[in-house]
């Protein structure tokens, strides 16, 4: 069975529910920015393509290539909304937990919507 593109799942479906735990205060704002940016984008047909799309979009929004940057966190004013670590984005958390979580959700969705 092939996927009907008219009923293809959207990338925004990967972002619900939000994680219960974040690394730094900017992380939930990055999460929501990614979700909003990809809201009308179909999930690609493979997990690798979905993961690549997530990483490229993260790079566009945060200005960091997670594959080449050695930084563990960065400050981005657009994600500052109050609090002590406001605007701080935990790159280690995105590398190790958050992007893999989204890729796993894509894998599950693709299994049910091939």
PDB file of N, CA and C in Angstrom:
ATOM      1  N   UNK A   1       0.845  -1.170   0.000  1.00  0.00           N
ATOM      2  CA  UNK A   1       0.000   0.000   0.000  1.00  0.00           C
ATOM      3  C   UNK A   1       0.896   1.241   0.000  1.00  0.00           C
ATOM      4  N   UNK A   2       0.583   2.217  -0.814  1.00  0.00           N
ATOM      5  CA  UNK A   2       1.368   3.441  -0.865  1.00  0.00           C
ATOM      6  C   UNK A   2       0.617   4.567  -0.188  1.00  0.00           C
ATOM      7  N   UNK A   3       1.354   5.518   0.277  1.00  0.00           N
ATOM      8  CA  UNK A   3       0.786   6.652   0.992  1.00  0.00           C
ATOM      9  C   UNK A   3       0.017   7.556   0.035  1.00  0.00           C
ATOM     10  N   UNK A   4      -1.169   7.944   0.439  1.00  0.00           N
ATOM     11  CA  UNK A   4      -1.975   8.899  -0.327  1.00  0.00           C
ATOM     12  C   UNK A   4      -1.534  10.285   0.116  1.00  0.00           C
ATOM     13  N   UNK A   5      -0.877  11.041  -0.781  1.00  0.00           N
ATOM     14  CA  UNK A   5      -0.333  12.341  -0.403  1.00  0.00           C
ATOM     15  C   UNK A   5      -1.393  13.314   0.085  1.00  0.00           C
ATOM     16  N   UNK A   6      -2.626  13.146  -0.353  1.00  0.00           N
ATOM     17  CA  UNK A   6      -3.706  14.025   0.114  1.00  0.00           C
ATOM     18  C   UNK A   6      -3.976  13.816   1.607  1.00  0.00           C
ATOM     19  N   UNK A   7      -3.665  12.617   2.089  1.00  0.00           N
ATOM     20  CA  UNK A   7      -3.881  12.300   3.502  1.00  0.00           C
ATOM     21  C   UNK A   7      -2.570  12.056   4.239  1.00  0.00           C
ATOM     22  N   UNK A   8      -1.477  12.529   3.666  1.00  0.00           N
ATOM     23  CA  UNK A   8      -0.166  12.317   4.274  1.00  0.00           C
ATOM     24  C   UNK A   8      -0.087  13.028   5.618  1.00  0.00           C
ATOM     25  N   UNK A   9       0.544  12.374   6.595  1.00  0.00           N
ATOM     26  CA  UNK A   9       0.716  13.050   7.889  1.00  0.00           C
ATOM     27  C   UNK A   9       1.615  14.269   7.748  1.00  0.00           C
ATOM     28  N   UNK A  10       1.381  15.253   8.572  1.00  0.00           N
ATOM     29  CA  UNK A  10       2.145  16.502   8.558  1.00  0.00           C
ATOM     30  C   UNK A  10       3.263  16.440   9.601  1.00  0.00           C
ATOM     31  N   UNK A  11       4.347  17.138   9.339  1.00  0.00           N
ATOM     32  CA  UNK A  11       5.462  17.193  10.288  1.00  0.00           C
ATOM     33  C   UNK A  11       5.009  17.710  11.645  1.00  0.00           C
ATOM     34  N   UNK A  12       4.030  18.616  11.661  1.00  0.00           N
ATOM     35  CA  UNK A  12       3.574  19.190  12.936  1.00  0.00           C
ATOM     36  C   UNK A  12       3.022  18.135  13.885  1.00  0.00           C
ATOM     37  N   UNK A  13       2.577  16.986  13.343  1.00  0.00           N
ATOM     38  CA  UNK A  13       2.051  15.910  14.193  1.00  0.00           C
ATOM     39  C   UNK A  13       3.129  15.325  15.099  1.00  0.00           C
ATOM     40  N   UNK A  14       4.379  15.467  14.721  1.00  0.00           N
ATOM     41  CA  UNK A  14       5.482  14.911  15.517  1.00  0.00           C
ATOM     42  C   UNK A  14       5.676  15.658  16.832  1.00  0.00           C
ATOM     43  N   UNK A  15       5.166  16.863  16.925  1.00  0.00           N
ATOM     44  CA  UNK A  15       5.465  17.743  18.053  1.00  0.00           C
ATOM     45  C   UNK A  15       4.454  17.662  19.197  1.00  0.00           C
ATOM     46  N   UNK A  16       3.494  16.772  19.092  1.00  0.00           N
ATOM     47  CA  UNK A  16       2.469  16.641  20.126  1.00  0.00           C
ATOM     48  C   UNK A  16       2.461  15.218  20.648  1.00  0.00           C
ATOM     49  N   UNK A  17       2.666  15.018  21.925  1.00  0.00           N
ATOM     50  CA  UNK A  17       2.771  16.012  22.986  1.00  0.00           C
ATOM     51  C   UNK A  17       4.198  16.561  23.116  1.00  0.00           C
ATOM     52  N   UNK A  18       4.282  17.707  23.762  1.00  0.00           N
ATOM     53  CA  UNK A  18       5.590  18.284  24.065  1.00  0.00           C
ATOM     54  C   UNK A  18       6.261  17.450  25.159  1.00  0.00           C
ATOM     55  N   UNK A  19       7.585  17.440  25.169  1.00  0.00           N
ATOM     56  CA  UNK A  19       8.296  16.737  26.245  1.00  0.00           C
ATOM     57  C   UNK A  19       7.968  17.355  27.603  1.00  0.00           C
ATOM     58  N   UNK A  20       8.033  16.553  28.634  1.00  0.00           N
ATOM     59  CA  UNK A  20       7.790  17.053  29.991  1.00  0.00           C
ATOM     60  C   UNK A  20       9.023  17.750  30.548  1.00  0.00           C
ATOM     61  N   UNK A  21      10.185  17.454  29.969  1.00  0.00           N
ATOM     62  CA  UNK A  21      11.459  17.967  30.491  1.00  0.00           C
ATOM     63  C   UNK A  21      12.235  18.637  29.373  1.00  0.00           C
ATOM     64  N   UNK A  22      12.798  19.798  29.692  1.00  0.00           N
ATOM     65  CA  UNK A  22      13.600  20.562  28.746  1.00  0.00           C
ATOM     66  C   UNK A  22      14.997  20.731  29.317  1.00  0.00           C
ATOM     67  N   UNK A  23      15.955  21.098  28.480  1.00  0.00           N
ATOM     68  CA  UNK A  23      17.302  21.377  28.953  1.00  0.00           C
ATOM     69  C   UNK A  23      17.421  22.791  29.489  1.00  0.00           C
ATOM     70  N   UNK A  24      17.028  23.778  28.666  1.00  0.00           N
ATOM     71  CA  UNK A  24      17.111  25.186  29.041  1.00  0.00           C
ATOM     72  C   UNK A  24      15.826  25.898  28.629  1.00  0.00           C
ATOM     73  N   UNK A  25      15.641  27.113  29.115  1.00  0.00           N
ATOM     74  CA  UNK A  25      14.375  27.827  28.904  1.00  0.00           C
ATOM     75  C   UNK A  25      14.049  28.145  27.457  1.00  0.00           C
ATOM     76  N   UNK A  26      15.038  28.226  26.600  1.00  0.00           N
ATOM     77  CA  UNK A  26      14.767  28.499  25.191  1.00  0.00           C
ATOM     78  C   UNK A  26      14.258  27.287  24.422  1.00  0.00           C
ATOM     79  N   UNK A  27      14.477  26.078  24.966  1.00  0.00           N
ATOM     80  CA  UNK A  27      14.129  24.855  24.242  1.00  0.00           C
ATOM     81  C   UNK A  27      12.651  24.732  23.876  1.00  0.00           C
ATOM     82  N   UNK A  28      11.708  25.005  24.775  1.00  0.00           N
ATOM     83  CA  UNK A  28      10.305  24.893  24.357  1.00  0.00           C
ATOM     84  C   UNK A  28       9.938  25.891  23.259  1.00  0.00           C
ATOM     85  N   UNK A  29      10.601  27.025  23.237  1.00  0.00           N
ATOM     86  CA  UNK A  29      10.327  28.020  22.199  1.00  0.00           C
ATOM     87  C   UNK A  29      10.895  27.556  20.850  1.00  0.00           C
ATOM     88  N   UNK A  30      12.034  26.879  20.884  1.00  0.00           N
ATOM     89  CA  UNK A  30      12.581  26.297  19.660  1.00  0.00           C
ATOM     90  C   UNK A  30      11.641  25.197  19.159  1.00  0.00           C
ATOM     91  N   UNK A  31      11.166  24.360  20.076  1.00  0.00           N
ATOM     92  CA  UNK A  31      10.241  23.273  19.743  1.00  0.00           C
ATOM     93  C   UNK A  31       9.022  23.830  18.997  1.00  0.00           C
ATOM     94  N   UNK A  32       8.439  24.876  19.565  1.00  0.00           N
ATOM     95  CA  UNK A  32       7.227  25.471  18.974  1.00  0.00           C
ATOM     96  C   UNK A  32       7.542  26.169  17.648  1.00  0.00           C
ATOM     97  N   UNK A  33       8.724  26.765  17.552  1.00  0.00           N
ATOM     98  CA  UNK A  33       9.117  27.404  16.290  1.00  0.00           C
ATOM     99  C   UNK A  33       9.303  26.358  15.192  1.00  0.00           C
ATOM    100  N   UNK A  34       9.915  25.229  15.533  1.00  0.00           N
ATOM    101  CA  UNK A  34      10.057  24.134  14.571  1.00  0.00           C
ATOM    102  C   UNK A  34       8.682  23.637  14.134  1.00  0.00           C
ATOM    103  N   UNK A  35       7.810  23.402  15.103  1.00  0.00           N
ATOM    104  CA  UNK A  35       6.454  22.930  14.803  1.00  0.00           C
ATOM    105  C   UNK A  35       5.735  23.900  13.869  1.00  0.00           C
ATOM    106  N   UNK A  36       5.781  25.175  14.190  1.00  0.00           N
ATOM    107  CA  UNK A  36       5.092  26.171  13.383  1.00  0.00           C
ATOM    108  C   UNK A  36       5.689  26.281  11.979  1.00  0.00           C
ATOM    109  N   UNK A  37       7.007  26.220  11.894  1.00  0.00           N
ATOM    110  CA  UNK A  37       7.694  26.331  10.614  1.00  0.00           C
ATOM    111  C   UNK A  37       7.343  25.158   9.686  1.00  0.00           C
ATOM    112  N   UNK A  38       7.160  23.976  10.285  1.00  0.00           N
ATOM    113  CA  UNK A  38       6.904  22.764   9.505  1.00  0.00           C
ATOM    114  C   UNK A  38       5.421  22.386   9.463  1.00  0.00           C
ATOM    115  N   UNK A  39       4.558  23.287   9.923  1.00  0.00           N
ATOM    116  CA  UNK A  39       3.134  22.977  10.113  1.00  0.00           C
ATOM    117  C   UNK A  39       2.455  22.404   8.880  1.00  0.00           C
ATOM    118  N   UNK A  40       2.753  22.904   7.718  1.00  0.00           N
ATOM    119  CA  UNK A  40       2.056  22.456   6.505  1.00  0.00           C
ATOM    120  C   UNK A  40       2.941  21.572   5.619  1.00  0.00           C
ATOM    121  N   UNK A  41       3.962  20.995   6.214  1.00  0.00           N
ATOM    122  CA  UNK A  41       4.899  20.154   5.481  1.00  0.00           C
ATOM    123  C   UNK A  41       4.569  18.687   5.706  1.00  0.00           C
ATOM    124  N   UNK A  42       4.409  17.929   4.622  1.00  0.00           N
ATOM    125  CA  UNK A  42       4.185  16.486   4.743  1.00  0.00           C
ATOM    126  C   UNK A  42       5.427  15.820   5.318  1.00  0.00           C
ATOM    127  N   UNK A  43       5.215  14.765   6.086  1.00  0.00           N
ATOM    128  CA  UNK A  43       6.344  13.969   6.562  1.00  0.00           C
ATOM    129  C   UNK A  43       6.957  13.278   5.342  1.00  0.00           C
ATOM    130  N   UNK A  44       8.266  13.384   5.160  1.00  0.00           N
ATOM    131  CA  UNK A  44       8.907  12.694   4.035  1.00  0.00           C
ATOM    132  C   UNK A  44       8.669  11.190   4.127  1.00  0.00           C
ATOM    133  N   UNK A  45       8.965  10.485   3.064  1.00  0.00           N
ATOM    134  CA  UNK A  45       8.652   9.054   2.998  1.00  0.00           C
ATOM    135  C   UNK A  45       9.630   8.162   3.754  1.00  0.00           C
ATOM    136  N   UNK A  46      10.707   8.725   4.295  1.00  0.00           N
ATOM    137  CA  UNK A  46      11.637   7.910   5.088  1.00  0.00           C
ATOM    138  C   UNK A  46      12.025   8.656   6.368  1.00  0.00           C
ATOM    139  N   UNK A  47      12.420   7.890   7.361  1.00  0.00           N
ATOM    140  CA  UNK A  47      12.849   8.470   8.636  1.00  0.00           C
ATOM    141  C   UNK A  47      14.098   9.311   8.437  1.00  0.00           C
ATOM    142  N   UNK A  48      15.016   8.852   7.597  1.00  0.00           N
ATOM    143  CA  UNK A  48      16.242   9.616   7.347  1.00  0.00           C
ATOM    144  C   UNK A  48      15.932  10.982   6.738  1.00  0.00           C
ATOM    145  N   UNK A  49      14.976  11.023   5.817  1.00  0.00           N
ATOM    146  CA  UNK A  49      14.588  12.300   5.215  1.00  0.00           C
ATOM    147  C   UNK A  49      13.908  13.208   6.235  1.00  0.00           C
ATOM    148  N   UNK A  50      13.075  12.627   7.096  1.00  0.00           N
ATOM    149  CA  UNK A  50      12.410  13.408   8.146  1.00  0.00           C
ATOM    150  C   UNK A  50      13.447  13.969   9.111  1.00  0.00           C
ATOM    151  N   UNK A  51      14.405  13.135   9.499  1.00  0.00           N
ATOM    152  CA  UNK A  51      15.463  13.571  10.409  1.00  0.00           C
ATOM    153  C   UNK A  51      16.288  14.687   9.771  1.00  0.00           C
ATOM    154  N   UNK A  52      16.613  14.534   8.511  1.00  0.00           N
ATOM    155  CA  UNK A  52      17.375  15.564   7.802  1.00  0.00           C
ATOM    156  C   UNK A  52      16.592  16.875   7.740  1.00  0.00           C
ATOM    157  N   UNK A  53      15.307  16.798   7.449  1.00  0.00           N
ATOM    158  CA  UNK A  53      14.467  17.994   7.406  1.00  0.00           C
ATOM    159  C   UNK A  53      14.431  18.689   8.764  1.00  0.00           C
ATOM    160  N   UNK A  54      14.314  17.917   9.829  1.00  0.00           N
ATOM    161  CA  UNK A  54      14.308  18.487  11.180  1.00  0.00           C
ATOM    162  C   UNK A  54      15.629  19.189  11.475  1.00  0.00           C
ATOM    163  N   UNK A  55      16.734  18.564  11.117  1.00  0.00           N
ATOM    164  CA  UNK A  55      18.059  19.136  11.393  1.00  0.00           C
ATOM    165  C   UNK A  55      18.319  20.400  10.574  1.00  0.00           C
ATOM    166  N   UNK A  56      17.920  20.385   9.311  1.00  0.00           N
ATOM    167  CA  UNK A  56      18.096  21.566   8.457  1.00  0.00           C
ATOM    168  C   UNK A  56      17.242  22.717   8.986  1.00  0.00           C
ATOM    169  N   UNK A  57      16.018  22.413   9.393  1.00  0.00           N
ATOM    170  CA  UNK A  57      15.132  23.450   9.913  1.00  0.00           C
ATOM    171  C   UNK A  57      15.651  23.983  11.239  1.00  0.00           C
ATOM    172  N   UNK A  58      16.174  23.111  12.096  1.00  0.00           N
ATOM    173  CA  UNK A  58      16.786  23.547  13.355  1.00  0.00           C
ATOM    174  C   UNK A  58      17.929  24.515  13.050  1.00  0.00           C
ATOM    175  N   UNK A  59      18.767  24.152  12.096  1.00  0.00           N
ATOM    176  CA  UNK A  59      19.895  25.004  11.707  1.00  0.00           C
ATOM    177  C   UNK A  59      19.395  26.367  11.223  1.00  0.00           C
ATOM    178  N   UNK A  60      18.338  26.380  10.412  1.00  0.00           N
ATOM    179  CA  UNK A  60      17.781  27.638   9.914  1.00  0.00           C
ATOM    180  C   UNK A  60      17.258  28.518  11.056  1.00  0.00           C
ATOM    181  N   UNK A  61      16.553  27.909  11.995  1.00  0.00           N
ATOM    182  CA  UNK A  61      15.906  28.679  13.055  1.00  0.00           C
ATOM    183  C   UNK A  61      16.856  29.090  14.175  1.00  0.00           C
ATOM    184  N   UNK A  62      17.789  28.206  14.509  1.00  0.00           N
ATOM    185  CA  UNK A  62      18.690  28.461  15.638  1.00  0.00           C
ATOM    186  C   UNK A  62      20.055  28.959  15.165  1.00  0.00           C
ATOM    187  N   UNK A  63      20.391  28.678  13.909  1.00  0.00           N
ATOM    188  CA  UNK A  63      21.673  29.119  13.385  1.00  0.00           C
ATOM    189  C   UNK A  63      22.833  28.261  13.831  1.00  0.00           C
ATOM    190  N   UNK A  64      22.555  26.978  14.091  1.00  0.00           N
ATOM    191  CA  UNK A  64      23.600  26.051  14.536  1.00  0.00           C
ATOM    192  C   UNK A  64      23.430  24.724  13.808  1.00  0.00           C
ATOM    193  N   UNK A  65      24.513  24.241  13.213  1.00  0.00           N
ATOM    194  CA  UNK A  65      24.526  22.903  12.636  1.00  0.00           C
ATOM    195  C   UNK A  65      24.953  21.952  13.753  1.00  0.00           C
ATOM    196  N   UNK A  66      24.019  21.162  14.234  1.00  0.00           N
ATOM    197  CA  UNK A  66      24.301  20.282  15.369  1.00  0.00           C
ATOM    198  C   UNK A  66      25.369  19.242  15.063  1.00  0.00           C
ATOM    199  N   UNK A  67      25.546  18.908  13.799  1.00  0.00           N
ATOM    200  CA  UNK A  67      26.545  17.896  13.425  1.00  0.00           C
ATOM    201  C   UNK A  67      27.965  18.432  13.500  1.00  0.00           C
ATOM    202  N   UNK A  68      28.140  19.737  13.335  1.00  0.00           N
ATOM    203  CA  UNK A  68      29.498  20.278  13.298  1.00  0.00           C
ATOM    204  C   UNK A  68      29.838  21.166  14.495  1.00  0.00           C
ATOM    205  N   UNK A  69      28.845  21.650  15.194  1.00  0.00           N
ATOM    206  CA  UNK A  69      29.092  22.533  16.333  1.00  0.00           C
ATOM    207  C   UNK A  69      29.470  21.726  17.569  1.00  0.00           C
ATOM    208  N   UNK A  70      30.485  22.191  18.263  1.00  0.00           N
ATOM    209  CA  UNK A  70      30.903  21.525  19.502  1.00  0.00           C
ATOM    210  C   UNK A  70      30.277  22.182  20.736  1.00  0.00           C
ATOM    211  N   UNK A  71      29.562  23.283  20.531  1.00  0.00           N
ATOM    212  CA  UNK A  71      28.962  24.004  21.659  1.00  0.00           C
ATOM    213  C   UNK A  71      27.886  23.151  22.328  1.00  0.00           C
ATOM    214  N   UNK A  72      27.765  23.309  23.650  1.00  0.00           N
ATOM    215  CA  UNK A  72      26.711  22.573  24.362  1.00  0.00           C
ATOM    216  C   UNK A  72      25.435  23.393  24.480  1.00  0.00           C
ATOM    217  N   UNK A  73      25.559  24.720  24.360  1.00  0.00           N
ATOM    218  CA  UNK A  73      24.381  25.584  24.403  1.00  0.00           C
ATOM    219  C   UNK A  73      24.705  26.897  23.704  1.00  0.00           C
ATOM    220  N   UNK A  74      23.641  27.609  23.302  1.00  0.00           N
ATOM    221  CA  UNK A  74      23.792  28.923  22.676  1.00  0.00           C
ATOM    222  C   UNK A  74      22.674  29.824  23.165  1.00  0.00           C
ATOM    223  N   UNK A  75      22.927  31.126  23.096  1.00  0.00           N
ATOM    224  CA  UNK A  75      21.887  32.111  23.411  1.00  0.00           C
ATOM    225  C   UNK A  75      21.315  32.631  22.107  1.00  0.00           C
ATOM    226  N   UNK A  76      19.983  32.681  22.022  1.00  0.00           N
ATOM    227  CA  UNK A  76      19.308  33.260  20.869  1.00  0.00           C
ATOM    228  C   UNK A  76      18.188  34.165  21.385  1.00  0.00           C
ATOM    229  N   UNK A  77      18.315  35.447  21.089  1.00  0.00           N
ATOM    230  CA  UNK A  77      17.372  36.445  21.608  1.00  0.00           C
ATOM    231  C   UNK A  77      15.925  36.128  21.236  1.00  0.00           C
ATOM    232  N   UNK A  78      15.697  35.595  20.038  1.00  0.00           N
ATOM    233  CA  UNK A  78      14.321  35.319  19.609  1.00  0.00           C
ATOM    234  C   UNK A  78      13.630  34.259  20.465  1.00  0.00           C
ATOM    235  N   UNK A  79      14.397  33.504  21.247  1.00  0.00           N
ATOM    236  CA  UNK A  79      13.811  32.486  22.118  1.00  0.00           C
ATOM    237  C   UNK A  79      13.852  32.903  23.591  1.00  0.00           C
ATOM    238  N   UNK A  80      14.138  34.180  23.842  1.00  0.00           N
ATOM    239  CA  UNK A  80      14.180  34.720  25.205  1.00  0.00           C
ATOM    240  C   UNK A  80      12.794  35.247  25.576  1.00  0.00           C
ATOM    241  N   UNK A  81      12.214  34.634  26.589  1.00  0.00           N
ATOM    242  CA  UNK A  81      10.868  35.025  27.033  1.00  0.00           C
ATOM    243  C   UNK A  81      10.789  35.132  28.552  1.00  0.00           C
ATOM    244  N   UNK A  82      11.890  35.447  29.192  1.00  0.00           N
ATOM    245  CA  UNK A  82      11.916  35.649  30.637  1.00  0.00           C
ATOM    246  C   UNK A  82      12.511  34.475  31.391  1.00  0.00           C
ATOM    247  N   UNK A  83      13.118  34.766  32.517  1.00  0.00           N
ATOM    248  CA  UNK A  83      13.732  33.741  33.354  1.00  0.00           C
ATOM    249  C   UNK A  83      15.240  33.781  33.259  1.00  0.00           C
ATOM    250  N   UNK A  84      15.873  33.058  34.173  1.00  0.00           N
ATOM    251  CA  UNK A  84      17.317  33.117  34.305  1.00  0.00           C
ATOM    252  C   UNK A  84      18.077  32.630  33.072  1.00  0.00           C
ATOM    253  N   UNK A  85      17.653  31.526  32.475  1.00  0.00           N
ATOM    254  CA  UNK A  85      18.353  31.019  31.294  1.00  0.00           C
ATOM    255  C   UNK A  85      17.541  31.312  30.024  1.00  0.00           C
ATOM    256  N   UNK A  86      16.745  32.355  30.093  1.00  0.00           N
ATOM    257  CA  UNK A  86      15.899  32.724  28.964  1.00  0.00           C
ATOM    258  C   UNK A  86      16.728  32.929  27.705  1.00  0.00           C
ATOM    259  N   UNK A  87      16.275  32.334  26.616  1.00  0.00           N
ATOM    260  CA  UNK A  87      16.979  32.455  25.356  1.00  0.00           C
ATOM    261  C   UNK A  87      18.087  31.443  25.163  1.00  0.00           C
ATOM    262  N   UNK A  88      18.386  30.673  26.185  1.00  0.00           N
ATOM    263  CA  UNK A  88      19.432  29.658  26.073  1.00  0.00           C
ATOM    264  C   UNK A  88      18.832  28.378  25.490  1.00  0.00           C
ATOM    265  N   UNK A  89      19.523  27.831  24.496  1.00  0.00           N
ATOM    266  CA  UNK A  89      19.101  26.609  23.829  1.00  0.00           C
ATOM    267  C   UNK A  89      20.142  25.534  24.144  1.00  0.00           C
ATOM    268  N   UNK A  90      19.681  24.416  24.670  1.00  0.00           N
ATOM    269  CA  UNK A  90      20.568  23.316  25.050  1.00  0.00           C
ATOM    270  C   UNK A  90      20.832  22.436  23.831  1.00  0.00           C
ATOM    271  N   UNK A  91      21.937  22.678  23.153  1.00  0.00           N
ATOM    272  CA  UNK A  91      22.262  21.923  21.938  1.00  0.00           C
ATOM    273  C   UNK A  91      22.469  20.450  22.229  1.00  0.00           C
ATOM    274  N   UNK A  92      23.069  20.135  23.377  1.00  0.00           N
ATOM    275  CA  UNK A  92      23.246  18.730  23.752  1.00  0.00           C
ATOM    276  C   UNK A  92      21.893  18.036  23.886  1.00  0.00           C
ATOM    277  N   UNK A  93      20.929  18.722  24.464  1.00  0.00           N
ATOM    278  CA  UNK A  93      19.591  18.155  24.608  1.00  0.00           C
ATOM    279  C   UNK A  93      18.928  17.906  23.260  1.00  0.00           C
ATOM    280  N   UNK A  94      19.146  18.814  22.322  1.00  0.00           N
ATOM    281  CA  UNK A  94      18.578  18.632  20.982  1.00  0.00           C
ATOM    282  C   UNK A  94      19.269  17.491  20.248  1.00  0.00           C
ATOM    283  N   UNK A  95      20.589  17.374  20.413  1.00  0.00           N
ATOM    284  CA  UNK A  95      21.334  16.288  19.760  1.00  0.00           C
ATOM    285  C   UNK A  95      20.954  14.925  20.330  1.00  0.00           C
ATOM    286  N   UNK A  96      20.927  14.859  21.662  1.00  0.00           N
ATOM    287  CA  UNK A  96      20.832  13.571  22.348  1.00  0.00           C
ATOM    288  C   UNK A  96      19.408  13.094  22.607  1.00  0.00           C
ATOM    289  N   UNK A  97      18.455  14.027  22.720  1.00  0.00           N
ATOM    290  CA  UNK A  97      17.126  13.624  23.157  1.00  0.00           C
ATOM    291  C   UNK A  97      15.988  14.143  22.294  1.00  0.00           C
ATOM    292  N   UNK A  98      15.977  15.441  22.011  1.00  0.00           N
ATOM    293  CA  UNK A  98      14.798  16.026  21.377  1.00  0.00           C
ATOM    294  C   UNK A  98      14.677  15.685  19.889  1.00  0.00           C
ATOM    295  N   UNK A  99      15.736  15.851  19.107  1.00  0.00           N
ATOM    296  CA  UNK A  99      15.654  15.467  17.695  1.00  0.00           C
ATOM    297  C   UNK A  99      15.497  13.957  17.531  1.00  0.00           C
ATOM    298  N   UNK A 100      16.199  13.129  18.325  1.00  0.00           N
ATOM    299  CA  UNK A 100      15.925  11.687  18.232  1.00  0.00           C
ATOM    300  C   UNK A 100      14.473  11.332  18.591  1.00  0.00           C
ATOM    301  N   UNK A 101      13.882  12.040  19.544  1.00  0.00           N
ATOM    302  CA  UNK A 101      12.473  11.815  19.891  1.00  0.00           C
ATOM    303  C   UNK A 101      11.578  12.104  18.682  1.00  0.00           C
ATOM    304  N   UNK A 102      11.814  13.212  18.004  1.00  0.00           N
ATOM    305  CA  UNK A 102      11.018  13.571  16.831  1.00  0.00           C
ATOM    306  C   UNK A 102      11.223  12.562  15.700  1.00  0.00           C
ATOM    307  N   UNK A 103      12.455  12.102  15.503  1.00  0.00           N
ATOM    308  CA  UNK A 103      12.732  11.099  14.468  1.00  0.00           C
ATOM    309  C   UNK A 103      12.027   9.783  14.786  1.00  0.00           C
ATOM    310  N   UNK A 104      11.993   9.409  16.043  1.00  0.00           N
ATOM    311  CA  UNK A 104      11.293   8.186  16.450  1.00  0.00           C
ATOM    312  C   UNK A 104       9.795   8.328  16.212  1.00  0.00           C
ATOM    313  N   UNK A 105       9.242   9.477  16.503  1.00  0.00           N
ATOM    314  CA  UNK A 105       7.823   9.706  16.234  1.00  0.00           C
ATOM    315  C   UNK A 105       7.549   9.628  14.728  1.00  0.00           C
ATOM    316  N   UNK A 106       8.470  10.120  13.917  1.00  0.00           N
ATOM    317  CA  UNK A 106       8.311  10.017  12.462  1.00  0.00           C
ATOM    318  C   UNK A 106       8.323   8.556  12.036  1.00  0.00           C
ATOM    319  N   UNK A 107       9.231   7.773  12.624  1.00  0.00           N
ATOM    320  CA  UNK A 107       9.307   6.347  12.298  1.00  0.00           C
ATOM    321  C   UNK A 107       7.980   5.655  12.596  1.00  0.00           C
ATOM    322  N   UNK A 108       7.406   5.931  13.760  1.00  0.00           N
ATOM    323  CA  UNK A 108       6.134   5.327  14.146  1.00  0.00           C
ATOM    324  C   UNK A 108       5.019   5.738  13.196  1.00  0.00           C
ATOM    325  N   UNK A 109       4.949   7.028  12.881  1.00  0.00           N
ATOM    326  CA  UNK A 109       3.913   7.498  11.951  1.00  0.00           C
ATOM    327  C   UNK A 109       4.067   6.873  10.565  1.00  0.00           C
ATOM    328  N   UNK A 110       5.302   6.757  10.108  1.00  0.00           N
ATOM    329  CA  UNK A 110       5.523   6.184   8.782  1.00  0.00           C
ATOM    330  C   UNK A 110       5.164   4.702   8.725  1.00  0.00           C
ATOM    331  N   UNK A 111       5.289   4.017   9.850  1.00  0.00           N
ATOM    332  CA  UNK A 111       4.879   2.610   9.892  1.00  0.00           C
ATOM    333  C   UNK A 111       3.382   2.465   9.683  1.00  0.00           C
ATOM    334  N   UNK A 112       2.621   3.431  10.195  1.00  0.00           N
ATOM    335  CA  UNK A 112       1.160   3.378  10.101  1.00  0.00           C
ATOM    336  C   UNK A 112       0.622   4.068   8.859  1.00  0.00           C
ATOM    337  N   UNK A 113       1.421   4.907   8.223  1.00  0.00           N
ATOM    338  CA  UNK A 113       1.011   5.637   7.009  1.00  0.00           C
ATOM    339  C   UNK A 113       2.078   5.489   5.944  1.00  0.00           C
ATOM    340  N   UNK A 114       2.307   4.276   5.480  1.00  0.00           N
ATOM    341  CA  UNK A 114       3.398   4.059   4.517  1.00  0.00           C
ATOM    342  C   UNK A 114       3.137   4.770   3.199  1.00  0.00           C
TER     343      UNK A 114
END
